[in-house]
Amino acid sequence: MLIRYKKAFEKIAMGLLSFMPNEKDLKKLQQTMRNYETDESWQLFLWKEGEDIIGLLGVNFSEQKVMQLQHISVNPSHRHQGIGKRMVNALQEMFPDWTPAANEETAAFFEKCNEGNTAEGSGC
């Protein structure tokens, strides 16, 4: 289930964000978290299964009704199970009037999701 980020989930969110290649540096990671906490156009969503938060989506909503996927991360022990694709699909269901798009970091993943490849272990 996709839930909105709350400050109480900050450490979990930072841990998941740190799996992104460009978020390894602590200062960069802290700045990214500040963006999500202070800029209304930047929204962070967490993926919860049972009691565990195992994934994260970061989105930038533009004035042109485009939601650009800034960050996507799944706990390594839960990867290759289609969780990323389920997160993207849940986001699209939450915001049906918005057009999804990727940035440079998320483009390869996003393209893989849009190929329609839903097989287990597809990486999406």
PDB file of N, CA and C in Angstrom:
ATOM      1  N   MET A   1       0.839  -1.170   0.000  1.00  0.00           N
ATOM      2  CA  MET A   1       0.000   0.000   0.000  1.00  0.00           C
ATOM      3  C   MET A   1       0.894   1.246   0.000  1.00  0.00           C
ATOM      4  N   LEU A   2       0.556   2.185  -0.849  1.00  0.00           N
ATOM      5  CA  LEU A   2       1.301   3.438  -0.947  1.00  0.00           C
ATOM      6  C   LEU A   2       0.765   4.431   0.070  1.00  0.00           C
ATOM      7  N   ILE A   3       1.650   4.956   0.917  1.00  0.00           N
ATOM      8  CA  ILE A   3       1.249   5.944   1.922  1.00  0.00           C
ATOM      9  C   ILE A   3       2.109   7.189   1.776  1.00  0.00           C
ATOM     10  N   ARG A   4       1.565   8.322   2.199  1.00  0.00           N
ATOM     11  CA  ARG A   4       2.325   9.575   2.152  1.00  0.00           C
ATOM     12  C   ARG A   4       3.367   9.593   3.259  1.00  0.00           C
ATOM     13  N   TYR A   5       4.493  10.199   2.944  1.00  0.00           N
ATOM     14  CA  TYR A   5       5.579  10.354   3.899  1.00  0.00           C
ATOM     15  C   TYR A   5       5.147  11.235   5.066  1.00  0.00           C
ATOM     16  N   LYS A   6       5.566  10.841   6.260  1.00  0.00           N
ATOM     17  CA  LYS A   6       5.407  11.671   7.466  1.00  0.00           C
ATOM     18  C   LYS A   6       6.770  11.755   8.124  1.00  0.00           C
ATOM     19  N   LYS A   7       7.003  12.823   8.863  1.00  0.00           N
ATOM     20  CA  LYS A   7       8.281  13.048   9.540  1.00  0.00           C
ATOM     21  C   LYS A   7       8.682  11.847  10.418  1.00  0.00           C
ATOM     22  N   ALA A   8       7.709  11.135  10.967  1.00  0.00           N
ATOM     23  CA  ALA A   8       7.986   9.969  11.812  1.00  0.00           C
ATOM     24  C   ALA A   8       8.724   8.870  11.039  1.00  0.00           C
ATOM     25  N   PHE A   9       8.611   8.883   9.710  1.00  0.00           N
ATOM     26  CA  PHE A   9       9.251   7.870   8.869  1.00  0.00           C
ATOM     27  C   PHE A   9      10.585   8.345   8.294  1.00  0.00           C
ATOM     28  N   GLU A  10      11.116   9.455   8.814  1.00  0.00           N
ATOM     29  CA  GLU A  10      12.309  10.066   8.218  1.00  0.00           C
ATOM     30  C   GLU A  10      13.490   9.096   8.110  1.00  0.00           C
ATOM     31  N   LYS A  11      13.817   8.381   9.170  1.00  0.00           N
ATOM     32  CA  LYS A  11      14.982   7.484   9.133  1.00  0.00           C
ATOM     33  C   LYS A  11      14.790   6.353   8.128  1.00  0.00           C
ATOM     34  N   ILE A  12      13.590   5.804   8.077  1.00  0.00           N
ATOM     35  CA  ILE A  12      13.298   4.744   7.109  1.00  0.00           C
ATOM     36  C   ILE A  12      13.421   5.294   5.694  1.00  0.00           C
ATOM     37  N   ALA A  13      12.851   6.475   5.461  1.00  0.00           N
ATOM     38  CA  ALA A  13      12.907   7.096   4.133  1.00  0.00           C
ATOM     39  C   ALA A  13      14.350   7.390   3.726  1.00  0.00           C
ATOM     40  N   MET A  14      15.136   7.921   4.663  1.00  0.00           N
ATOM     41  CA  MET A  14      16.543   8.209   4.342  1.00  0.00           C
ATOM     42  C   MET A  14      17.304   6.920   4.026  1.00  0.00           C
ATOM     43  N   GLY A  15      17.018   5.859   4.760  1.00  0.00           N
ATOM     44  CA  GLY A  15      17.660   4.576   4.490  1.00  0.00           C
ATOM     45  C   GLY A  15      17.336   4.069   3.098  1.00  0.00           C
ATOM     46  N   LEU A  16      16.064   4.144   2.718  1.00  0.00           N
ATOM     47  CA  LEU A  16      15.667   3.697   1.378  1.00  0.00           C
ATOM     48  C   LEU A  16      16.239   4.606   0.297  1.00  0.00           C
ATOM     49  N   LEU A  17      16.222   5.926   0.536  1.00  0.00           N
ATOM     50  CA  LEU A  17      16.791   6.865  -0.443  1.00  0.00           C
ATOM     51  C   LEU A  17      18.288   6.629  -0.646  1.00  0.00           C
ATOM     52  N   SER A  18      18.970   6.202   0.412  1.00  0.00           N
ATOM     53  CA  SER A  18      20.427   6.019   0.318  1.00  0.00           C
ATOM     54  C   SER A  18      20.809   4.900  -0.645  1.00  0.00           C
ATOM     55  N   PHE A  19      19.841   4.064  -1.061  1.00  0.00           N
ATOM     56  CA  PHE A  19      20.122   3.037  -2.057  1.00  0.00           C
ATOM     57  C   PHE A  19      20.207   3.619  -3.470  1.00  0.00           C
ATOM     58  N   MET A  20      19.733   4.850  -3.641  1.00  0.00           N
ATOM     59  CA  MET A  20      19.817   5.504  -4.950  1.00  0.00           C
ATOM     60  C   MET A  20      21.267   5.922  -5.195  1.00  0.00           C
ATOM     61  N   PRO A  21      21.804   5.678  -6.379  1.00  0.00           N
ATOM     62  CA  PRO A  21      23.222   5.981  -6.649  1.00  0.00           C
ATOM     63  C   PRO A  21      23.628   7.425  -6.345  1.00  0.00           C
ATOM     64  N   ASN A  22      22.772   8.397  -6.633  1.00  0.00           N
ATOM     65  CA  ASN A  22      23.130   9.796  -6.416  1.00  0.00           C
ATOM     66  C   ASN A  22      22.802  10.303  -5.020  1.00  0.00           C
ATOM     67  N   GLU A  23      22.382   9.421  -4.124  1.00  0.00           N
ATOM     68  CA  GLU A  23      22.018   9.829  -2.767  1.00  0.00           C
ATOM     69  C   GLU A  23      22.936   9.193  -1.713  1.00  0.00           C
ATOM     70  N   LYS A  24      24.123   8.777  -2.121  1.00  0.00           N
ATOM     71  CA  LYS A  24      25.060   8.123  -1.196  1.00  0.00           C
ATOM     72  C   LYS A  24      25.673   9.110  -0.197  1.00  0.00           C
ATOM     73  N   ASP A  25      25.901  10.347  -0.634  1.00  0.00           N
ATOM     74  CA  ASP A  25      26.513  11.367   0.211  1.00  0.00           C
ATOM     75  C   ASP A  25      25.489  11.879   1.222  1.00  0.00           C
ATOM     76  N   LEU A  26      25.853  11.912   2.499  1.00  0.00           N
ATOM     77  CA  LEU A  26      24.931  12.307   3.560  1.00  0.00           C
ATOM     78  C   LEU A  26      24.385  13.712   3.363  1.00  0.00           C
ATOM     79  N   LYS A  27      25.236  14.666   2.979  1.00  0.00           N
ATOM     80  CA  LYS A  27      24.765  16.046   2.767  1.00  0.00           C
ATOM     81  C   LYS A  27      23.738  16.098   1.636  1.00  0.00           C
ATOM     82  N   LYS A  28      23.985  15.375   0.559  1.00  0.00           N
ATOM     83  CA  LYS A  28      23.054  15.332  -0.571  1.00  0.00           C
ATOM     84  C   LYS A  28      21.742  14.691  -0.130  1.00  0.00           C
ATOM     85  N   LEU A  29      21.843  13.619   0.626  1.00  0.00           N
ATOM     86  CA  LEU A  29      20.662  12.922   1.122  1.00  0.00           C
ATOM     87  C   LEU A  29      19.828  13.834   2.033  1.00  0.00           C
ATOM     88  N   GLN A  30      20.486  14.567   2.916  1.00  0.00           N
ATOM     89  CA  GLN A  30      19.778  15.492   3.811  1.00  0.00           C
ATOM     90  C   GLN A  30      19.097  16.605   3.018  1.00  0.00           C
ATOM     91  N   GLN A  31      19.761  17.107   1.974  1.00  0.00           N
ATOM     92  CA  GLN A  31      19.165  18.150   1.131  1.00  0.00           C
ATOM     93  C   GLN A  31      17.933  17.605   0.403  1.00  0.00           C
ATOM     94  N   THR A  32      18.029  16.385  -0.089  1.00  0.00           N
ATOM     95  CA  THR A  32      16.891  15.768  -0.763  1.00  0.00           C
ATOM     96  C   THR A  32      15.709  15.647   0.200  1.00  0.00           C
ATOM     97  N   MET A  33      15.971  15.214   1.419  1.00  0.00           N
ATOM     98  CA  MET A  33      14.898  15.104   2.417  1.00  0.00           C
ATOM     99  C   MET A  33      14.286  16.479   2.705  1.00  0.00           C
ATOM    100  N   ARG A  34      15.126  17.516   2.790  1.00  0.00           N
ATOM    101  CA  ARG A  34      14.607  18.877   3.001  1.00  0.00           C
ATOM    102  C   ARG A  34      13.686  19.283   1.856  1.00  0.00           C
ATOM    103  N   ASN A  35      14.070  18.934   0.619  1.00  0.00           N
ATOM    104  CA  ASN A  35      13.220  19.250  -0.529  1.00  0.00           C
ATOM    105  C   ASN A  35      11.840  18.624  -0.358  1.00  0.00           C
ATOM    106  N   TYR A  36      11.814  17.348   0.017  1.00  0.00           N
ATOM    107  CA  TYR A  36      10.530  16.666   0.183  1.00  0.00           C
ATOM    108  C   TYR A  36       9.718  17.236   1.348  1.00  0.00           C
ATOM    109  N   GLU A  37      10.392  17.743   2.364  1.00  0.00           N
ATOM    110  CA  GLU A  37       9.686  18.259   3.533  1.00  0.00           C
ATOM    111  C   GLU A  37       9.239  19.715   3.381  1.00  0.00           C
ATOM    112  N   THR A  38       9.881  20.477   2.499  1.00  0.00           N
ATOM    113  CA  THR A  38       9.582  21.907   2.414  1.00  0.00           C
ATOM    114  C   THR A  38       8.949  22.355   1.099  1.00  0.00           C
ATOM    115  N   ASP A  39       9.137  21.624   0.017  1.00  0.00           N
ATOM    116  CA  ASP A  39       8.615  22.014  -1.293  1.00  0.00           C
ATOM    117  C   ASP A  39       7.353  21.204  -1.583  1.00  0.00           C
ATOM    118  N   GLU A  40       6.217  21.882  -1.676  1.00  0.00           N
ATOM    119  CA  GLU A  40       4.942  21.197  -1.880  1.00  0.00           C
ATOM    120  C   GLU A  40       4.871  20.419  -3.189  1.00  0.00           C
ATOM    121  N   SER A  41       5.664  20.801  -4.176  1.00  0.00           N
ATOM    122  CA  SER A  41       5.624  20.081  -5.451  1.00  0.00           C
ATOM    123  C   SER A  41       6.407  18.761  -5.385  1.00  0.00           C
ATOM    124  N   TRP A  42       7.240  18.609  -4.352  1.00  0.00           N
ATOM    125  CA  TRP A  42       7.982  17.364  -4.139  1.00  0.00           C
ATOM    126  C   TRP A  42       7.225  16.532  -3.109  1.00  0.00           C
ATOM    127  N   GLN A  43       6.800  15.349  -3.498  1.00  0.00           N
ATOM    128  CA  GLN A  43       6.042  14.475  -2.611  1.00  0.00           C
ATOM    129  C   GLN A  43       6.743  13.122  -2.499  1.00  0.00           C
ATOM    130  N   LEU A  44       6.799  12.614  -1.282  1.00  0.00           N
ATOM    131  CA  LEU A  44       7.437  11.342  -1.011  1.00  0.00           C
ATOM    132  C   LEU A  44       6.358  10.357  -0.561  1.00  0.00           C
ATOM    133  N   PHE A  45       6.410   9.151  -1.119  1.00  0.00           N
ATOM    134  CA  PHE A  45       5.456   8.098  -0.782  1.00  0.00           C
ATOM    135  C   PHE A  45       6.237   6.862  -0.362  1.00  0.00           C
ATOM    136  N   LEU A  46       5.689   6.139   0.591  1.00  0.00           N
ATOM    137  CA  LEU A  46       6.329   4.930   1.086  1.00  0.00           C
ATOM    138  C   LEU A  46       5.438   3.741   0.772  1.00  0.00           C
ATOM    139  N   TRP A  47       6.063   2.598   0.511  1.00  0.00           N
ATOM    140  CA  TRP A  47       5.319   1.376   0.220  1.00  0.00           C
ATOM    141  C   TRP A  47       5.355   0.493   1.455  1.00  0.00           C
ATOM    142  N   LYS A  48       4.164   0.190   1.958  1.00  0.00           N
ATOM    143  CA  LYS A  48       4.054  -0.587   3.183  1.00  0.00           C
ATOM    144  C   LYS A  48       3.401  -1.932   2.884  1.00  0.00           C
ATOM    145  N   GLU A  49       4.037  -2.993   3.359  1.00  0.00           N
ATOM    146  CA  GLU A  49       3.454  -4.331   3.271  1.00  0.00           C
ATOM    147  C   GLU A  49       3.424  -4.886   4.681  1.00  0.00           C
ATOM    148  N   GLY A  50       2.237  -5.174   5.178  1.00  0.00           N
ATOM    149  CA  GLY A  50       2.096  -5.583   6.576  1.00  0.00           C
ATOM    150  C   GLY A  50       2.494  -4.417   7.462  1.00  0.00           C
ATOM    151  N   GLU A  51       3.429  -4.659   8.354  1.00  0.00           N
ATOM    152  CA  GLU A  51       3.917  -3.608   9.249  1.00  0.00           C
ATOM    153  C   GLU A  51       5.199  -2.962   8.738  1.00  0.00           C
ATOM    154  N   ASP A  52       5.742  -3.471   7.640  1.00  0.00           N
ATOM    155  CA  ASP A  52       7.048  -3.028   7.161  1.00  0.00           C
ATOM    156  C   ASP A  52       6.952  -2.053   6.000  1.00  0.00           C
ATOM    157  N   ILE A  53       7.786  -1.020   6.048  1.00  0.00           N
ATOM    158  CA  ILE A  53       7.948  -0.103   4.921  1.00  0.00           C
ATOM    159  C   ILE A  53       9.140  -0.615   4.130  1.00  0.00           C
ATOM    160  N   ILE A  54       8.884  -1.018   2.882  1.00  0.00           N
ATOM    161  CA  ILE A  54       9.941  -1.666   2.104  1.00  0.00           C
ATOM    162  C   ILE A  54      10.296  -0.936   0.809  1.00  0.00           C
ATOM    163  N   GLY A  55       9.590   0.149   0.514  1.00  0.00           N
ATOM    164  CA  GLY A  55       9.877   0.870  -0.718  1.00  0.00           C
ATOM    165  C   GLY A  55       9.524   2.337  -0.596  1.00  0.00           C
ATOM    166  N   LEU A  56       9.995   3.086  -1.589  1.00  0.00           N
ATOM    167  CA  LEU A  56       9.831   4.541  -1.575  1.00  0.00           C
ATOM    168  C   LEU A  56       9.737   5.059  -2.998  1.00  0.00           C
ATOM    169  N   LEU A  57       8.886   6.054  -3.195  1.00  0.00           N
ATOM    170  CA  LEU A  57       8.763   6.791  -4.458  1.00  0.00           C
ATOM    171  C   LEU A  57       8.836   8.275  -4.143  1.00  0.00           C
ATOM    172  N   GLY A  58       9.662   8.997  -4.859  1.00  0.00           N
ATOM    173  CA  GLY A  58       9.727  10.438  -4.741  1.00  0.00           C
ATOM    174  C   GLY A  58       9.303  11.062  -6.053  1.00  0.00           C
ATOM    175  N   VAL A  59       8.370  12.000  -5.999  1.00  0.00           N
ATOM    176  CA  VAL A  59       7.775  12.559  -7.209  1.00  0.00           C
ATOM    177  C   VAL A  59       7.795  14.082  -7.151  1.00  0.00           C
ATOM    178  N   ASN A  60       8.041  14.691  -8.303  1.00  0.00           N
ATOM    179  CA  ASN A  60       7.955  16.139  -8.448  1.00  0.00           C
ATOM    180  C   ASN A  60       6.751  16.428  -9.336  1.00  0.00           C
ATOM    181  N   PHE A  61       5.757  17.125  -8.788  1.00  0.00           N
ATOM    182  CA  PHE A  61       4.556  17.467  -9.534  1.00  0.00           C
ATOM    183  C   PHE A  61       4.746  18.841 -10.178  1.00  0.00           C
ATOM    184  N   SER A  62       4.600  18.910 -11.494  1.00  0.00           N
ATOM    185  CA  SER A  62       4.809  20.168 -12.204  1.00  0.00           C
ATOM    186  C   SER A  62       3.480  20.861 -12.488  1.00  0.00           C
ATOM    187  N   GLU A  63       3.559  22.118 -12.879  1.00  0.00           N
ATOM    188  CA  GLU A  63       2.357  22.888 -13.221  1.00  0.00           C
ATOM    189  C   GLU A  63       1.677  22.348 -14.478  1.00  0.00           C
ATOM    190  N   GLN A  64       2.408  21.568 -15.267  1.00  0.00           N
ATOM    191  CA  GLN A  64       1.854  21.028 -16.507  1.00  0.00           C
ATOM    192  C   GLN A  64       1.161  19.680 -16.291  1.00  0.00           C
ATOM    193  N   LYS A  65       0.826  19.352 -15.006  1.00  0.00           N
ATOM    194  CA  LYS A  65       0.164  18.082 -14.669  1.00  0.00           C
ATOM    195  C   LYS A  65       1.037  16.872 -15.019  1.00  0.00           C
ATOM    196  N   VAL A  66       2.349  17.044 -14.884  1.00  0.00           N
ATOM    197  CA  VAL A  66       3.287  15.941 -15.066  1.00  0.00           C
ATOM    198  C   VAL A  66       3.857  15.592 -13.696  1.00  0.00           C
ATOM    199  N   MET A  67       3.862  14.312 -13.362  1.00  0.00           N
ATOM    200  CA  MET A  67       4.495  13.869 -12.121  1.00  0.00           C
ATOM    201  C   MET A  67       5.766  13.104 -12.507  1.00  0.00           C
ATOM    202  N   GLN A  68       6.888  13.756 -12.221  1.00  0.00           N
ATOM    203  CA  GLN A  68       8.181  13.180 -12.591  1.00  0.00           C
ATOM    204  C   GLN A  68       8.719  12.334 -11.440  1.00  0.00           C
ATOM    205  N   LEU A  69       9.004  11.090 -11.755  1.00  0.00           N
ATOM    206  CA  LEU A  69       9.548  10.157 -10.783  1.00  0.00           C
ATOM    207  C   LEU A  69      11.011  10.526 -10.520  1.00  0.00           C
ATOM    208  N   GLN A  70      11.270  11.079  -9.334  1.00  0.00           N
ATOM    209  CA  GLN A  70      12.610  11.525  -8.962  1.00  0.00           C
ATOM    210  C   GLN A  70      13.424  10.402  -8.325  1.00  0.00           C
ATOM    211  N   HIS A  71      12.775   9.624  -7.485  1.00  0.00           N
ATOM    212  CA  HIS A  71      13.445   8.558  -6.745  1.00  0.00           C
ATOM    213  C   HIS A  71      12.535   7.340  -6.679  1.00  0.00           C
ATOM    214  N   ILE A  72      13.130   6.164  -6.801  1.00  0.00           N
ATOM    215  CA  ILE A  72      12.413   4.919  -6.548  1.00  0.00           C
ATOM    216  C   ILE A  72      13.408   3.961  -5.925  1.00  0.00           C
ATOM    217  N   SER A  73      12.997   3.364  -4.829  1.00  0.00           N
ATOM    218  CA  SER A  73      13.902   2.477  -4.105  1.00  0.00           C
ATOM    219  C   SER A  73      13.102   1.395  -3.401  1.00  0.00           C
ATOM    220  N   VAL A  74      13.642   0.179  -3.447  1.00  0.00           N
ATOM    221  CA  VAL A  74      13.048  -0.957  -2.748  1.00  0.00           C
ATOM    222  C   VAL A  74      14.139  -1.587  -1.897  1.00  0.00           C
ATOM    223  N   ASN A  75      13.792  -1.952  -0.680  1.00  0.00           N
ATOM    224  CA  ASN A  75      14.725  -2.639   0.198  1.00  0.00           C
ATOM    225  C   ASN A  75      15.338  -3.823  -0.566  1.00  0.00           C
ATOM    226  N   PRO A  76      16.663  -3.950  -0.556  1.00  0.00           N
ATOM    227  CA  PRO A  76      17.314  -5.014  -1.342  1.00  0.00           C
ATOM    228  C   PRO A  76      16.768  -6.417  -1.081  1.00  0.00           C
ATOM    229  N   SER A  77      16.319  -6.710   0.117  1.00  0.00           N
ATOM    230  CA  SER A  77      15.809  -8.053   0.396  1.00  0.00           C
ATOM    231  C   SER A  77      14.409  -8.283  -0.193  1.00  0.00           C
ATOM    232  N   HIS A  78      13.813  -7.239  -0.767  1.00  0.00           N
ATOM    233  CA  HIS A  78      12.480  -7.358  -1.367  1.00  0.00           C
ATOM    234  C   HIS A  78      12.490  -7.053  -2.867  1.00  0.00           C
ATOM    235  N   ARG A  79      13.656  -6.961  -3.462  1.00  0.00           N
ATOM    236  CA  ARG A  79      13.737  -6.620  -4.886  1.00  0.00           C
ATOM    237  C   ARG A  79      13.393  -7.819  -5.762  1.00  0.00           C
ATOM    238  N   HIS A  80      13.110  -7.519  -7.020  1.00  0.00           N
ATOM    239  CA  HIS A  80      12.793  -8.514  -8.054  1.00  0.00           C
ATOM    240  C   HIS A  80      11.505  -9.275  -7.734  1.00  0.00           C
ATOM    241  N   GLN A  81      10.573  -8.580  -7.088  1.00  0.00           N
ATOM    242  CA  GLN A  81       9.271  -9.166  -6.778  1.00  0.00           C
ATOM    243  C   GLN A  81       8.144  -8.329  -7.372  1.00  0.00           C
ATOM    244  N   GLY A  82       8.469  -7.363  -8.201  1.00  0.00           N
ATOM    245  CA  GLY A  82       7.462  -6.514  -8.825  1.00  0.00           C
ATOM    246  C   GLY A  82       6.967  -5.369  -7.956  1.00  0.00           C
ATOM    247  N   ILE A  83       7.649  -5.108  -6.837  1.00  0.00           N
ATOM    248  CA  ILE A  83       7.202  -4.056  -5.913  1.00  0.00           C
ATOM    249  C   ILE A  83       7.318  -2.679  -6.558  1.00  0.00           C
ATOM    250  N   GLY A  84       8.400  -2.428  -7.262  1.00  0.00           N
ATOM    251  CA  GLY A  84       8.569  -1.135  -7.932  1.00  0.00           C
ATOM    252  C   GLY A  84       7.437  -0.854  -8.893  1.00  0.00           C
ATOM    253  N   LYS A  85       7.080  -1.852  -9.676  1.00  0.00           N
ATOM    254  CA  LYS A  85       5.982  -1.682 -10.631  1.00  0.00           C
ATOM    255  C   LYS A  85       4.668  -1.444  -9.900  1.00  0.00           C
ATOM    256  N   ARG A  86       4.446  -2.157  -8.794  1.00  0.00           N
ATOM    257  CA  ARG A  86       3.217  -1.951  -8.028  1.00  0.00           C
ATOM    258  C   ARG A  86       3.177  -0.543  -7.440  1.00  0.00           C
ATOM    259  N   MET A  87       4.332  -0.036  -7.012  1.00  0.00           N
ATOM    260  CA  MET A  87       4.381   1.333  -6.475  1.00  0.00           C
ATOM    261  C   MET A  87       4.018   2.339  -7.560  1.00  0.00           C
ATOM    262  N   VAL A  88       4.594   2.187  -8.749  1.00  0.00           N
ATOM    263  CA  VAL A  88       4.314   3.117  -9.855  1.00  0.00           C
ATOM    264  C   VAL A  88       2.843   3.034 -10.243  1.00  0.00           C
ATOM    265  N   ASN A  89       2.304   1.812 -10.322  1.00  0.00           N
ATOM    266  CA  ASN A  89       0.886   1.654 -10.663  1.00  0.00           C
ATOM    267  C   ASN A  89      -0.017   2.293  -9.611  1.00  0.00           C
ATOM    268  N   ALA A  90       0.318   2.107  -8.328  1.00  0.00           N
ATOM    269  CA  ALA A  90      -0.485   2.700  -7.248  1.00  0.00           C
ATOM    270  C   ALA A  90      -0.443   4.226  -7.323  1.00  0.00           C
ATOM    271  N   LEU A  91       0.727   4.775  -7.659  1.00  0.00           N
ATOM    272  CA  LEU A  91       0.858   6.228  -7.802  1.00  0.00           C
ATOM    273  C   LEU A  91      -0.030   6.725  -8.947  1.00  0.00           C
ATOM    274  N   GLN A  92      -0.026   5.996 -10.060  1.00  0.00           N
ATOM    275  CA  GLN A  92      -0.846   6.399 -11.203  1.00  0.00           C
ATOM    276  C   GLN A  92      -2.333   6.307 -10.857  1.00  0.00           C
ATOM    277  N   GLU A  93      -2.717   5.340 -10.026  1.00  0.00           N
ATOM    278  CA  GLU A  93      -4.112   5.236  -9.593  1.00  0.00           C
ATOM    279  C   GLU A  93      -4.487   6.383  -8.658  1.00  0.00           C
ATOM    280  N   MET A  94      -3.530   6.821  -7.816  1.00  0.00           N
ATOM    281  CA  MET A  94      -3.772   7.936  -6.900  1.00  0.00           C
ATOM    282  C   MET A  94      -3.958   9.250  -7.642  1.00  0.00           C
ATOM    283  N   PHE A  95      -3.243   9.408  -8.746  1.00  0.00           N
ATOM    284  CA  PHE A  95      -3.243  10.664  -9.508  1.00  0.00           C
ATOM    285  C   PHE A  95      -3.542  10.383 -10.984  1.00  0.00           C
ATOM    286  N   PRO A  96      -4.774   9.946 -11.283  1.00  0.00           N
ATOM    287  CA  PRO A  96      -5.094   9.547 -12.664  1.00  0.00           C
ATOM    288  C   PRO A  96      -5.049  10.682 -13.685  1.00  0.00           C
ATOM    289  N   ASP A  97      -5.168  11.927 -13.223  1.00  0.00           N
ATOM    290  CA  ASP A  97      -5.166  13.066 -14.145  1.00  0.00           C
ATOM    291  C   ASP A  97      -3.763  13.582 -14.447  1.00  0.00           C
ATOM    292  N   TRP A  98      -2.761  12.968 -13.841  1.00  0.00           N
ATOM    293  CA  TRP A  98      -1.384  13.404 -14.018  1.00  0.00           C
ATOM    294  C   TRP A  98      -0.650  12.445 -14.951  1.00  0.00           C
ATOM    295  N   THR A  99       0.254  12.981 -15.755  1.00  0.00           N
ATOM    296  CA  THR A  99       1.055  12.177 -16.671  1.00  0.00           C
ATOM    297  C   THR A  99       2.365  11.797 -15.992  1.00  0.00           C
ATOM    298  N   PRO A 100       2.645  10.496 -15.870  1.00  0.00           N
ATOM    299  CA  PRO A 100       3.907  10.083 -15.248  1.00  0.00           C
ATOM    300  C   PRO A 100       5.078  10.262 -16.201  1.00  0.00           C
ATOM    301  N   ALA A 101       6.225  10.603 -15.654  1.00  0.00           N
ATOM    302  CA  ALA A 101       7.449  10.764 -16.433  1.00  0.00           C
ATOM    303  C   ALA A 101       8.624  10.374 -15.532  1.00  0.00           C
ATOM    304  N   ALA A 102       9.774  10.166 -16.144  1.00  0.00           N
ATOM    305  CA  ALA A 102      10.970   9.792 -15.394  1.00  0.00           C
ATOM    306  C   ALA A 102      12.019  10.883 -15.516  1.00  0.00           C
ATOM    307  N   ASN A 103      12.984  10.851 -14.612  1.00  0.00           N
ATOM    308  CA  ASN A 103      14.154  11.708 -14.767  1.00  0.00           C
ATOM    309  C   ASN A 103      15.317  10.817 -15.204  1.00  0.00           C
ATOM    310  N   GLU A 104      16.508  11.372 -15.282  1.00  0.00           N
ATOM    311  CA  GLU A 104      17.662  10.616 -15.762  1.00  0.00           C
ATOM    312  C   GLU A 104      17.931   9.375 -14.901  1.00  0.00           C
ATOM    313  N   GLU A 105      17.778   9.533 -13.590  1.00  0.00           N
ATOM    314  CA  GLU A 105      18.063   8.425 -12.670  1.00  0.00           C
ATOM    315  C   GLU A 105      17.022   7.317 -12.723  1.00  0.00           C
ATOM    316  N   THR A 106      15.775   7.664 -12.994  1.00  0.00           N
ATOM    317  CA  THR A 106      14.704   6.670 -12.942  1.00  0.00           C
ATOM    318  C   THR A 106      14.238   6.206 -14.323  1.00  0.00           C
ATOM    319  N   ALA A 107      14.809   6.760 -15.384  1.00  0.00           N
ATOM    320  CA  ALA A 107      14.339   6.473 -16.744  1.00  0.00           C
ATOM    321  C   ALA A 107      14.410   4.989 -17.101  1.00  0.00           C
ATOM    322  N   ALA A 108      15.518   4.330 -16.823  1.00  0.00           N
ATOM    323  CA  ALA A 108      15.672   2.916 -17.196  1.00  0.00           C
ATOM    324  C   ALA A 108      14.622   2.060 -16.490  1.00  0.00           C
ATOM    325  N   PHE A 109      14.431   2.316 -15.213  1.00  0.00           N
ATOM    326  CA  PHE A 109      13.418   1.572 -14.461  1.00  0.00           C
ATOM    327  C   PHE A 109      12.033   1.846 -15.016  1.00  0.00           C
ATOM    328  N   PHE A 110      11.721   3.107 -15.246  1.00  0.00           N
ATOM    329  CA  PHE A 110      10.406   3.513 -15.723  1.00  0.00           C
ATOM    330  C   PHE A 110      10.095   2.874 -17.078  1.00  0.00           C
ATOM    331  N   GLU A 111      11.092   2.870 -17.977  1.00  0.00           N
ATOM    332  CA  GLU A 111      10.894   2.254 -19.295  1.00  0.00           C
ATOM    333  C   GLU A 111      10.619   0.766 -19.151  1.00  0.00           C
ATOM    334  N   LYS A 112      11.346   0.112 -18.264  1.00  0.00           N
ATOM    335  CA  LYS A 112      11.143  -1.317 -18.039  1.00  0.00           C
ATOM    336  C   LYS A 112       9.727  -1.582 -17.536  1.00  0.00           C
ATOM    337  N   CYS A 113       9.228  -0.727 -16.655  1.00  0.00           N
ATOM    338  CA  CYS A 113       7.862  -0.873 -16.140  1.00  0.00           C
ATOM    339  C   CYS A 113       6.836  -0.705 -17.249  1.00  0.00           C
ATOM    340  N   ASN A 114       7.084   0.203 -18.154  1.00  0.00           N
ATOM    341  CA  ASN A 114       6.117   0.508 -19.205  1.00  0.00           C
ATOM    342  C   ASN A 114       6.172  -0.455 -20.378  1.00  0.00           C
ATOM    343  N   GLU A 115       7.130  -1.378 -20.360  1.00  0.00           N
ATOM    344  CA  GLU A 115       7.194  -2.382 -21.417  1.00  0.00           C
ATOM    345  C   GLU A 115       6.082  -3.424 -21.269  1.00  0.00           C
ATOM    346  N   GLY A 116       5.436  -3.409 -20.090  1.00  0.00           N
ATOM    347  CA  GLY A 116       4.379  -4.379 -19.856  1.00  0.00           C
ATOM    348  C   GLY A 116       4.920  -5.697 -19.348  1.00  0.00           C
ATOM    349  N   ASN A 117       6.179  -5.727 -18.979  1.00  0.00           N
ATOM    350  CA  ASN A 117       6.798  -6.938 -18.463  1.00  0.00           C
ATOM    351  C   ASN A 117       6.474  -7.055 -16.983  1.00  0.00           C
ATOM    352  N   THR A 118       5.516  -7.926 -16.657  1.00  0.00           N
ATOM    353  CA  THR A 118       5.112  -8.050 -15.257  1.00  0.00           C
ATOM    354  C   THR A 118       5.607  -9.355 -14.644  1.00  0.00           C
ATOM    355  N   ALA A 119       6.455 -10.065 -15.322  1.00  0.00           N
ATOM    356  CA  ALA A 119       6.943 -11.347 -14.800  1.00  0.00           C
ATOM    357  C   ALA A 119       7.707 -11.143 -13.504  1.00  0.00           C
ATOM    358  N   GLU A 120       7.571 -12.114 -12.596  1.00  0.00           N
ATOM    359  CA  GLU A 120       8.341 -12.064 -11.355  1.00  0.00           C
ATOM    360  C   GLU A 120       9.820 -12.003 -11.727  1.00  0.00           C
ATOM    361  N   GLY A 121      10.570 -11.246 -10.982  1.00  0.00           N
ATOM    362  CA  GLY A 121      11.998 -11.176 -11.235  1.00  0.00           C
ATOM    363  C   GLY A 121      12.361 -10.285 -12.405  1.00  0.00           C
ATOM    364  N   SER A 122      11.374  -9.536 -12.938  1.00  0.00           N
ATOM    365  CA  SER A 122      11.672  -8.694 -14.093  1.00  0.00           C
ATOM    366  C   SER A 122      12.531  -7.482 -13.723  1.00  0.00           C
ATOM    367  N   GLY A 123      12.682  -7.244 -12.425  1.00  0.00           N
ATOM    368  CA  GLY A 123      13.455  -6.086 -11.989  1.00  0.00           C
ATOM    369  C   GLY A 123      12.607  -4.850 -11.842  1.00  0.00           C
ATOM    370  N   CYS A 124      11.387  -4.922 -12.279  1.00  0.00           N
ATOM    371  CA  CYS A 124      10.480  -3.778 -12.179  1.00  0.00           C
ATOM    372  C   CYS A 124       9.375  -4.100 -11.212  1.00  0.00           C
TER     373      CYS A 124
END
